[in-house]
Amino acid sequence: DKLLTREGWKNAFRNAIGEWDMLWEDIAAGFVVAALIAAF
């Protein structure tokens, strides 16, 4: 039922932003750390 409804996909979109809320700082930090290590 959820898969075939507009509201179900809206919830999926909100959950996706929730994943970004949890991870964006860690991902950004990981990219920066890797870049600094590669450079220095």
ModelCIF file with pLDDT and N, C-alpha, C, O atoms, coordinates in Angstrom:
data_MODEL
#
_entry.id   MODEL 
#
_entity.id                         1 
_entity.type                       polymer 
_entity.pdbx_number_of_molecules   1 
#
_entity_poly.entity_id                      1 
_entity_poly.type                           'polypeptide(L)' 
_entity_poly.nstd_linkage                   no 
_entity_poly.nstd_monomer                   no 
_entity_poly.pdbx_seq_one_letter_code       DKLLTREGWKNAFRNAIGEWDMLWEDIAAGFVVAALIAAF 
_entity_poly.pdbx_seq_one_letter_code_can   DKLLTREGWKNAFRNAIGEWDMLWEDIAAGFVVAALIAAF 
_entity_poly.pdbx_strand_id                 A 
#
loop_
_entity_poly_seq.entity_id 
_entity_poly_seq.num 
_entity_poly_seq.mon_id 
_entity_poly_seq.hetero 
1 1  ASP n 
1 2  LYS n 
1 3  LEU n 
1 4  LEU n 
1 5  THR n 
1 6  ARG n 
1 7  GLU n 
1 8  GLY n 
1 9  TRP n 
1 10 LYS n 
1 11 ASN n 
1 12 ALA n 
1 13 PHE n 
1 14 ARG n 
1 15 ASN n 
1 16 ALA n 
1 17 ILE n 
1 18 GLY n 
1 19 GLU n 
1 20 TRP n 
1 21 ASP n 
1 22 MET n 
1 23 LEU n 
1 24 TRP n 
1 25 GLU n 
1 26 ASP n 
1 27 ILE n 
1 28 ALA n 
1 29 ALA n 
1 30 GLY n 
1 31 PHE n 
1 32 VAL n 
1 33 VAL n 
1 34 ALA n 
1 35 ALA n 
1 36 LEU n 
1 37 ILE n 
1 38 ALA n 
1 39 ALA n 
1 40 PHE n 
#
_struct_asym.id          A 
_struct_asym.entity_id   1 
#
loop_
_ma_qa_metric.id 
_ma_qa_metric.mode 
_ma_qa_metric.name 
_ma_qa_metric.software_group_id 
_ma_qa_metric.type 
1 global pLDDT . pLDDT 
2 local  pLDDT . pLDDT 
#
_ma_qa_metric_global.metric_id      1 
_ma_qa_metric_global.metric_value   75.80 
_ma_qa_metric_global.model_id       1 
_ma_qa_metric_global.ordinal_id     1 
#
loop_
_ma_qa_metric_local.label_asym_id 
_ma_qa_metric_local.label_comp_id 
_ma_qa_metric_local.label_seq_id 
_ma_qa_metric_local.metric_id 
_ma_qa_metric_local.metric_value 
_ma_qa_metric_local.model_id 
_ma_qa_metric_local.ordinal_id 
A ASP 1  2 56.00 1 1  
A LYS 2  2 58.00 1 2  
A LEU 3  2 59.00 1 3  
A LEU 4  2 59.00 1 4  
A THR 5  2 70.00 1 5  
A ARG 6  2 73.00 1 6  
A GLU 7  2 75.00 1 7  
A GLY 8  2 75.00 1 8  
A TRP 9  2 79.00 1 9  
A LYS 10 2 82.00 1 10 
A ASN 11 2 80.00 1 11 
A ALA 12 2 81.00 1 12 
A PHE 13 2 86.00 1 13 
A ARG 14 2 82.00 1 14 
A ASN 15 2 78.00 1 15 
A ALA 16 2 83.00 1 16 
A ILE 17 2 84.00 1 17 
A GLY 18 2 77.00 1 18 
A GLU 19 2 72.00 1 19 
A TRP 20 2 80.00 1 20 
A ASP 21 2 77.00 1 21 
A MET 22 2 68.00 1 22 
A LEU 23 2 66.00 1 23 
A TRP 24 2 78.00 1 24 
A GLU 25 2 78.00 1 25 
A ASP 26 2 73.00 1 26 
A ILE 27 2 74.00 1 27 
A ALA 28 2 82.00 1 28 
A ALA 29 2 78.00 1 29 
A GLY 30 2 71.00 1 30 
A PHE 31 2 78.00 1 31 
A VAL 32 2 84.00 1 32 
A VAL 33 2 79.00 1 33 
A ALA 34 2 72.00 1 34 
A ALA 35 2 82.00 1 35 
A LEU 36 2 84.00 1 36 
A ILE 37 2 79.00 1 37 
A ALA 38 2 75.00 1 38 
A ALA 39 2 81.00 1 39 
A PHE 40 2 84.00 1 40 
#
loop_
_atom_site.group_PDB 
_atom_site.id 
_atom_site.type_symbol 
_atom_site.label_atom_id 
_atom_site.label_alt_id 
_atom_site.label_comp_id 
_atom_site.label_asym_id 
_atom_site.label_entity_id 
_atom_site.label_seq_id 
_atom_site.pdbx_PDB_ins_code 
_atom_site.Cartn_x 
_atom_site.Cartn_y 
_atom_site.Cartn_z 
_atom_site.occupancy 
_atom_site.B_iso_or_equiv 
_atom_site.pdbx_formal_charge 
_atom_site.auth_seq_id 
_atom_site.auth_comp_id 
_atom_site.auth_asym_id 
_atom_site.auth_atom_id 
_atom_site.pdbx_PDB_model_num 
ATOM 1   N N  . ASP A 1 1  ? 0.828  -1.205 0.000  1.00 56.00 ? 1  ASP A N  1 
ATOM 2   C CA . ASP A 1 1  ? 0.000  0.000  0.000  1.00 56.00 ? 1  ASP A CA 1 
ATOM 3   C C  . ASP A 1 1  ? 0.866  1.260  0.000  1.00 56.00 ? 1  ASP A C  1 
ATOM 4   O O  . ASP A 1 1  ? 0.597  2.210  -0.735 1.00 56.00 ? 1  ASP A O  1 
ATOM 5   N N  . LYS A 1 2  ? 1.910  1.254  0.836  1.00 58.00 ? 2  LYS A N  1 
ATOM 6   C CA . LYS A 1 2  ? 2.796  2.418  0.929  1.00 58.00 ? 2  LYS A CA 1 
ATOM 7   C C  . LYS A 1 2  ? 3.551  2.644  -0.371 1.00 58.00 ? 2  LYS A C  1 
ATOM 8   O O  . LYS A 1 2  ? 3.767  3.782  -0.789 1.00 58.00 ? 2  LYS A O  1 
ATOM 9   N N  . LEU A 1 3  ? 3.948  1.549  -1.004 1.00 59.00 ? 3  LEU A N  1 
ATOM 10  C CA . LEU A 1 3  ? 4.734  1.648  -2.227 1.00 59.00 ? 3  LEU A CA 1 
ATOM 11  C C  . LEU A 1 3  ? 3.943  2.300  -3.350 1.00 59.00 ? 3  LEU A C  1 
ATOM 12  O O  . LEU A 1 3  ? 4.517  2.944  -4.227 1.00 59.00 ? 3  LEU A O  1 
ATOM 13  N N  . LEU A 1 4  ? 2.627  2.134  -3.322 1.00 59.00 ? 4  LEU A N  1 
ATOM 14  C CA . LEU A 1 4  ? 1.795  2.613  -4.415 1.00 59.00 ? 4  LEU A CA 1 
ATOM 15  C C  . LEU A 1 4  ? 1.089  3.935  -4.104 1.00 59.00 ? 4  LEU A C  1 
ATOM 16  O O  . LEU A 1 4  ? 0.218  4.361  -4.862 1.00 59.00 ? 4  LEU A O  1 
ATOM 17  N N  . THR A 1 5  ? 1.454  4.583  -3.001 1.00 70.00 ? 5  THR A N  1 
ATOM 18  C CA . THR A 1 5  ? 0.817  5.846  -2.640 1.00 70.00 ? 5  THR A CA 1 
ATOM 19  C C  . THR A 1 5  ? 1.815  6.991  -2.698 1.00 70.00 ? 5  THR A C  1 
ATOM 20  O O  . THR A 1 5  ? 3.017  6.811  -2.500 1.00 70.00 ? 5  THR A O  1 
ATOM 21  N N  . ARG A 1 6  ? 1.280  8.169  -2.977 1.00 73.00 ? 6  ARG A N  1 
ATOM 22  C CA . ARG A 1 6  ? 2.118  9.370  -3.009 1.00 73.00 ? 6  ARG A CA 1 
ATOM 23  C C  . ARG A 1 6  ? 2.691  9.666  -1.631 1.00 73.00 ? 6  ARG A C  1 
ATOM 24  O O  . ARG A 1 6  ? 3.853  10.053 -1.504 1.00 73.00 ? 6  ARG A O  1 
ATOM 25  N N  . GLU A 1 7  ? 1.866  9.481  -0.590 1.00 75.00 ? 7  GLU A N  1 
ATOM 26  C CA . GLU A 1 7  ? 2.330  9.770  0.763  1.00 75.00 ? 7  GLU A CA 1 
ATOM 27  C C  . GLU A 1 7  ? 3.448  8.817  1.187  1.00 75.00 ? 7  GLU A C  1 
ATOM 28  O O  . GLU A 1 7  ? 4.357  9.202  1.922  1.00 75.00 ? 7  GLU A O  1 
ATOM 29  N N  . GLY A 1 8  ? 3.370  7.567  0.714  1.00 75.00 ? 8  GLY A N  1 
ATOM 30  C CA . GLY A 1 8  ? 4.437  6.625  1.019  1.00 75.00 ? 8  GLY A CA 1 
ATOM 31  C C  . GLY A 1 8  ? 5.777  7.088  0.482  1.00 75.00 ? 8  GLY A C  1 
ATOM 32  O O  . GLY A 1 8  ? 6.796  6.978  1.164  1.00 75.00 ? 8  GLY A O  1 
ATOM 33  N N  . TRP A 1 9  ? 5.780  7.606  -0.738 1.00 79.00 ? 9  TRP A N  1 
ATOM 34  C CA . TRP A 1 9  ? 7.030  8.088  -1.330 1.00 79.00 ? 9  TRP A CA 1 
ATOM 35  C C  . TRP A 1 9  ? 7.482  9.400  -0.710 1.00 79.00 ? 9  TRP A C  1 
ATOM 36  O O  . TRP A 1 9  ? 8.680  9.671  -0.642 1.00 79.00 ? 9  TRP A O  1 
ATOM 37  N N  . LYS A 1 10 ? 6.534  10.221 -0.253 1.00 82.00 ? 10 LYS A N  1 
ATOM 38  C CA . LYS A 1 10 ? 6.935  11.418 0.479  1.00 82.00 ? 10 LYS A CA 1 
ATOM 39  C C  . LYS A 1 10 ? 7.676  11.038 1.761  1.00 82.00 ? 10 LYS A C  1 
ATOM 40  O O  . LYS A 1 10 ? 8.674  11.663 2.118  1.00 82.00 ? 10 LYS A O  1 
ATOM 41  N N  . ASN A 1 11 ? 7.179  10.010 2.448  1.00 80.00 ? 11 ASN A N  1 
ATOM 42  C CA . ASN A 1 11 ? 7.871  9.537  3.642  1.00 80.00 ? 11 ASN A CA 1 
ATOM 43  C C  . ASN A 1 11 ? 9.250  8.990  3.297  1.00 80.00 ? 11 ASN A C  1 
ATOM 44  O O  . ASN A 1 11 ? 10.211 9.173  4.044  1.00 80.00 ? 11 ASN A O  1 
ATOM 45  N N  . ALA A 1 12 ? 9.333  8.314  2.149  1.00 81.00 ? 12 ALA A N  1 
ATOM 46  C CA . ALA A 1 12 ? 10.642 7.823  1.711  1.00 81.00 ? 12 ALA A CA 1 
ATOM 47  C C  . ALA A 1 12 ? 11.605 8.983  1.483  1.00 81.00 ? 12 ALA A C  1 
ATOM 48  O O  . ALA A 1 12 ? 12.776 8.902  1.855  1.00 81.00 ? 12 ALA A O  1 
ATOM 49  N N  . PHE A 1 13 ? 11.118 10.056 0.877  1.00 86.00 ? 13 PHE A N  1 
ATOM 50  C CA . PHE A 1 13 ? 11.956 11.238 0.650  1.00 86.00 ? 13 PHE A CA 1 
ATOM 51  C C  . PHE A 1 13 ? 12.389 11.862 1.972  1.00 86.00 ? 13 PHE A C  1 
ATOM 52  O O  . PHE A 1 13 ? 13.539 12.274 2.122  1.00 86.00 ? 13 PHE A O  1 
ATOM 53  N N  . ARG A 1 14 ? 11.455 11.930 2.940  1.00 82.00 ? 14 ARG A N  1 
ATOM 54  C CA . ARG A 1 14 ? 11.815 12.496 4.246  1.00 82.00 ? 14 ARG A CA 1 
ATOM 55  C C  . ARG A 1 14 ? 12.859 11.631 4.942  1.00 82.00 ? 14 ARG A C  1 
ATOM 56  O O  . ARG A 1 14 ? 13.774 12.149 5.582  1.00 82.00 ? 14 ARG A O  1 
ATOM 57  N N  . ASN A 1 15 ? 12.724 10.328 4.816  1.00 78.00 ? 15 ASN A N  1 
ATOM 58  C CA . ASN A 1 15 ? 13.721 9.435  5.408  1.00 78.00 ? 15 ASN A CA 1 
ATOM 59  C C  . ASN A 1 15 ? 15.091 9.628  4.763  1.00 78.00 ? 15 ASN A C  1 
ATOM 60  O O  . ASN A 1 15 ? 16.117 9.570  5.442  1.00 78.00 ? 15 ASN A O  1 
ATOM 61  N N  . ALA A 1 16 ? 15.102 9.859  3.442  1.00 83.00 ? 16 ALA A N  1 
ATOM 62  C CA . ALA A 1 16 ? 16.372 10.081 2.756  1.00 83.00 ? 16 ALA A CA 1 
ATOM 63  C C  . ALA A 1 16 ? 17.076 11.316 3.306  1.00 83.00 ? 16 ALA A C  1 
ATOM 64  O O  . ALA A 1 16 ? 18.292 11.309 3.494  1.00 83.00 ? 16 ALA A O  1 
ATOM 65  N N  . ILE A 1 17 ? 16.310 12.381 3.566  1.00 84.00 ? 17 ILE A N  1 
ATOM 66  C CA . ILE A 1 17 ? 16.906 13.575 4.164  1.00 84.00 ? 17 ILE A CA 1 
ATOM 67  C C  . ILE A 1 17 ? 17.359 13.272 5.588  1.00 84.00 ? 17 ILE A C  1 
ATOM 68  O O  . ILE A 1 17 ? 18.348 13.832 6.061  1.00 84.00 ? 17 ILE A O  1 
ATOM 69  N N  . GLY A 1 18 ? 16.636 12.385 6.273  1.00 77.00 ? 18 GLY A N  1 
ATOM 70  C CA . GLY A 1 18 ? 17.085 11.955 7.598  1.00 77.00 ? 18 GLY A CA 1 
ATOM 71  C C  . GLY A 1 18 ? 18.445 11.280 7.542  1.00 77.00 ? 18 GLY A C  1 
ATOM 72  O O  . GLY A 1 18 ? 19.271 11.467 8.435  1.00 77.00 ? 18 GLY A O  1 
ATOM 73  N N  . GLU A 1 19 ? 18.688 10.485 6.482  1.00 72.00 ? 19 GLU A N  1 
ATOM 74  C CA . GLU A 1 19 ? 20.000 9.869  6.305  1.00 72.00 ? 19 GLU A CA 1 
ATOM 75  C C  . GLU A 1 19 ? 21.072 10.949 6.128  1.00 72.00 ? 19 GLU A C  1 
ATOM 76  O O  . GLU A 1 19 ? 22.158 10.859 6.699  1.00 72.00 ? 19 GLU A O  1 
ATOM 77  N N  . TRP A 1 20 ? 20.747 11.976 5.325  1.00 80.00 ? 20 TRP A N  1 
ATOM 78  C CA . TRP A 1 20 ? 21.700 13.085 5.171  1.00 80.00 ? 20 TRP A CA 1 
ATOM 79  C C  . TRP A 1 20 ? 21.930 13.794 6.498  1.00 80.00 ? 20 TRP A C  1 
ATOM 80  O O  . TRP A 1 20 ? 23.061 14.168 6.807  1.00 80.00 ? 20 TRP A O  1 
ATOM 81  N N  . ASP A 1 21 ? 20.872 13.986 7.291  1.00 77.00 ? 21 ASP A N  1 
ATOM 82  C CA . ASP A 1 21 ? 21.024 14.627 8.598  1.00 77.00 ? 21 ASP A CA 1 
ATOM 83  C C  . ASP A 1 21 ? 22.025 13.883 9.470  1.00 77.00 ? 21 ASP A C  1 
ATOM 84  O O  . ASP A 1 21 ? 22.826 14.496 10.175 1.00 77.00 ? 21 ASP A O  1 
ATOM 85  N N  . MET A 1 22 ? 21.970 12.561 9.414  1.00 68.00 ? 22 MET A N  1 
ATOM 86  C CA . MET A 1 22 ? 22.869 11.756 10.241 1.00 68.00 ? 22 MET A CA 1 
ATOM 87  C C  . MET A 1 22 ? 24.299 11.754 9.718  1.00 68.00 ? 22 MET A C  1 
ATOM 88  O O  . MET A 1 22 ? 25.249 11.693 10.498 1.00 68.00 ? 22 MET A O  1 
ATOM 89  N N  . LEU A 1 23 ? 24.453 11.820 8.397  1.00 66.00 ? 23 LEU A N  1 
ATOM 90  C CA . LEU A 1 23 ? 25.750 11.474 7.817  1.00 66.00 ? 23 LEU A CA 1 
ATOM 91  C C  . LEU A 1 23 ? 26.523 12.596 7.134  1.00 66.00 ? 23 LEU A C  1 
ATOM 92  O O  . LEU A 1 23 ? 27.720 12.440 6.892  1.00 66.00 ? 23 LEU A O  1 
ATOM 93  N N  . TRP A 1 24 ? 25.887 13.717 6.814  1.00 78.00 ? 24 TRP A N  1 
ATOM 94  C CA . TRP A 1 24 ? 26.580 14.662 5.945  1.00 78.00 ? 24 TRP A CA 1 
ATOM 95  C C  . TRP A 1 24 ? 27.850 15.207 6.590  1.00 78.00 ? 24 TRP A C  1 
ATOM 96  O O  . TRP A 1 24 ? 28.848 15.413 5.901  1.00 78.00 ? 24 TRP A O  1 
ATOM 97  N N  . GLU A 1 25 ? 27.828 15.444 7.906  1.00 78.00 ? 25 GLU A N  1 
ATOM 98  C CA . GLU A 1 25 ? 29.025 15.965 8.560  1.00 78.00 ? 25 GLU A CA 1 
ATOM 99  C C  . GLU A 1 25 ? 30.155 14.934 8.527  1.00 78.00 ? 25 GLU A C  1 
ATOM 100 O O  . GLU A 1 25 ? 31.313 15.279 8.292  1.00 78.00 ? 25 GLU A O  1 
ATOM 101 N N  . ASP A 1 26 ? 29.804 13.649 8.767  1.00 73.00 ? 26 ASP A N  1 
ATOM 102 C CA . ASP A 1 26 ? 30.815 12.593 8.734  1.00 73.00 ? 26 ASP A CA 1 
ATOM 103 C C  . ASP A 1 26 ? 31.378 12.420 7.324  1.00 73.00 ? 26 ASP A C  1 
ATOM 104 O O  . ASP A 1 26 ? 32.585 12.251 7.146  1.00 73.00 ? 26 ASP A O  1 
ATOM 105 N N  . ILE A 1 27 ? 30.498 12.463 6.327  1.00 74.00 ? 27 ILE A N  1 
ATOM 106 C CA . ILE A 1 27 ? 30.965 12.316 4.951  1.00 74.00 ? 27 ILE A CA 1 
ATOM 107 C C  . ILE A 1 27 ? 31.878 13.474 4.564  1.00 74.00 ? 27 ILE A C  1 
ATOM 108 O O  . ILE A 1 27 ? 32.938 13.268 3.973  1.00 74.00 ? 27 ILE A O  1 
ATOM 109 N N  . ALA A 1 28 ? 31.456 14.698 4.902  1.00 82.00 ? 28 ALA A N  1 
ATOM 110 C CA . ALA A 1 28 ? 32.296 15.863 4.598  1.00 82.00 ? 28 ALA A CA 1 
ATOM 111 C C  . ALA A 1 28 ? 33.635 15.757 5.311  1.00 82.00 ? 28 ALA A C  1 
ATOM 112 O O  . ALA A 1 28 ? 34.682 16.020 4.719  1.00 82.00 ? 28 ALA A O  1 
ATOM 113 N N  . ALA A 1 29 ? 33.603 15.372 6.585  1.00 78.00 ? 29 ALA A N  1 
ATOM 114 C CA . ALA A 1 29 ? 34.854 15.229 7.337  1.00 78.00 ? 29 ALA A CA 1 
ATOM 115 C C  . ALA A 1 29 ? 35.743 14.157 6.721  1.00 78.00 ? 29 ALA A C  1 
ATOM 116 O O  . ALA A 1 29 ? 36.960 14.320 6.640  1.00 78.00 ? 29 ALA A O  1 
ATOM 117 N N  . GLY A 1 30 ? 35.125 13.058 6.288  1.00 71.00 ? 30 GLY A N  1 
ATOM 118 C CA . GLY A 1 30 ? 35.909 11.986 5.668  1.00 71.00 ? 30 GLY A CA 1 
ATOM 119 C C  . GLY A 1 30 ? 36.593 12.441 4.394  1.00 71.00 ? 30 GLY A C  1 
ATOM 120 O O  . GLY A 1 30 ? 37.760 12.124 4.163  1.00 71.00 ? 30 GLY A O  1 
ATOM 121 N N  . PHE A 1 31 ? 35.873 13.184 3.568  1.00 78.00 ? 31 PHE A N  1 
ATOM 122 C CA . PHE A 1 31 ? 36.468 13.706 2.333  1.00 78.00 ? 31 PHE A CA 1 
ATOM 123 C C  . PHE A 1 31 ? 37.607 14.668 2.637  1.00 78.00 ? 31 PHE A C  1 
ATOM 124 O O  . PHE A 1 31 ? 38.654 14.620 1.992  1.00 78.00 ? 31 PHE A O  1 
ATOM 125 N N  . VAL A 1 32 ? 37.402 15.545 3.621  1.00 84.00 ? 32 VAL A N  1 
ATOM 126 C CA . VAL A 1 32 ? 38.441 16.523 3.968  1.00 84.00 ? 32 VAL A CA 1 
ATOM 127 C C  . VAL A 1 32 ? 39.669 15.837 4.554  1.00 84.00 ? 32 VAL A C  1 
ATOM 128 O O  . VAL A 1 32 ? 40.797 16.160 4.183  1.00 84.00 ? 32 VAL A O  1 
ATOM 129 N N  . VAL A 1 33 ? 39.456 14.892 5.466  1.00 79.00 ? 33 VAL A N  1 
ATOM 130 C CA . VAL A 1 33 ? 40.584 14.170 6.065  1.00 79.00 ? 33 VAL A CA 1 
ATOM 131 C C  . VAL A 1 33 ? 41.377 13.435 4.987  1.00 79.00 ? 33 VAL A C  1 
ATOM 132 O O  . VAL A 1 33 ? 42.605 13.499 4.952  1.00 79.00 ? 33 VAL A O  1 
ATOM 133 N N  . ALA A 1 34 ? 40.657 12.736 4.108  1.00 72.00 ? 34 ALA A N  1 
ATOM 134 C CA . ALA A 1 34 ? 41.349 12.014 3.031  1.00 72.00 ? 34 ALA A CA 1 
ATOM 135 C C  . ALA A 1 34 ? 42.117 12.975 2.137  1.00 72.00 ? 34 ALA A C  1 
ATOM 136 O O  . ALA A 1 34 ? 43.228 12.672 1.702  1.00 72.00 ? 34 ALA A O  1 
ATOM 137 N N  . ALA A 1 35 ? 41.523 14.141 1.860  1.00 82.00 ? 35 ALA A N  1 
ATOM 138 C CA . ALA A 1 35 ? 42.187 15.129 1.004  1.00 82.00 ? 35 ALA A CA 1 
ATOM 139 C C  . ALA A 1 35 ? 43.443 15.673 1.661  1.00 82.00 ? 35 ALA A C  1 
ATOM 140 O O  . ALA A 1 35 ? 44.475 15.807 1.004  1.00 82.00 ? 35 ALA A O  1 
ATOM 141 N N  . LEU A 1 36 ? 43.372 15.989 2.949  1.00 84.00 ? 36 LEU A N  1 
ATOM 142 C CA . LEU A 1 36 ? 44.540 16.518 3.655  1.00 84.00 ? 36 LEU A CA 1 
ATOM 143 C C  . LEU A 1 36 ? 45.654 15.483 3.747  1.00 84.00 ? 36 LEU A C  1 
ATOM 144 O O  . LEU A 1 36 ? 46.834 15.809 3.618  1.00 84.00 ? 36 LEU A O  1 
ATOM 145 N N  . ILE A 1 37 ? 45.264 14.232 3.973  1.00 79.00 ? 37 ILE A N  1 
ATOM 146 C CA . ILE A 1 37 ? 46.270 13.170 4.032  1.00 79.00 ? 37 ILE A CA 1 
ATOM 147 C C  . ILE A 1 37 ? 46.919 12.981 2.670  1.00 79.00 ? 37 ILE A C  1 
ATOM 148 O O  . ILE A 1 37 ? 48.135 12.821 2.564  1.00 79.00 ? 37 ILE A O  1 
ATOM 149 N N  . ALA A 1 38 ? 46.086 13.001 1.618  1.00 75.00 ? 38 ALA A N  1 
ATOM 150 C CA . ALA A 1 38 ? 46.637 12.848 0.266  1.00 75.00 ? 38 ALA A CA 1 
ATOM 151 C C  . ALA A 1 38 ? 47.584 13.984 -0.083 1.00 75.00 ? 38 ALA A C  1 
ATOM 152 O O  . ALA A 1 38 ? 48.578 13.779 -0.779 1.00 75.00 ? 38 ALA A O  1 
ATOM 153 N N  . ALA A 1 39 ? 47.269 15.207 0.410  1.00 81.00 ? 39 ALA A N  1 
ATOM 154 C CA . ALA A 1 39 ? 48.065 16.380 0.053  1.00 81.00 ? 39 ALA A CA 1 
ATOM 155 C C  . ALA A 1 39 ? 49.327 16.524 0.887  1.00 81.00 ? 39 ALA A C  1 
ATOM 156 O O  . ALA A 1 39 ? 50.351 16.987 0.384  1.00 81.00 ? 39 ALA A O  1 
ATOM 157 N N  . PHE A 1 40 ? 49.269 16.129 2.170  1.00 84.00 ? 40 PHE A N  1 
ATOM 158 C CA . PHE A 1 40 ? 50.379 16.446 3.075  1.00 84.00 ? 40 PHE A CA 1 
ATOM 159 C C  . PHE A 1 40 ? 51.147 15.239 3.599  1.00 84.00 ? 40 PHE A C  1 
ATOM 160 O O  . PHE A 1 40 ? 52.097 15.396 4.365  1.00 84.00 ? 40 PHE A O  1 
#
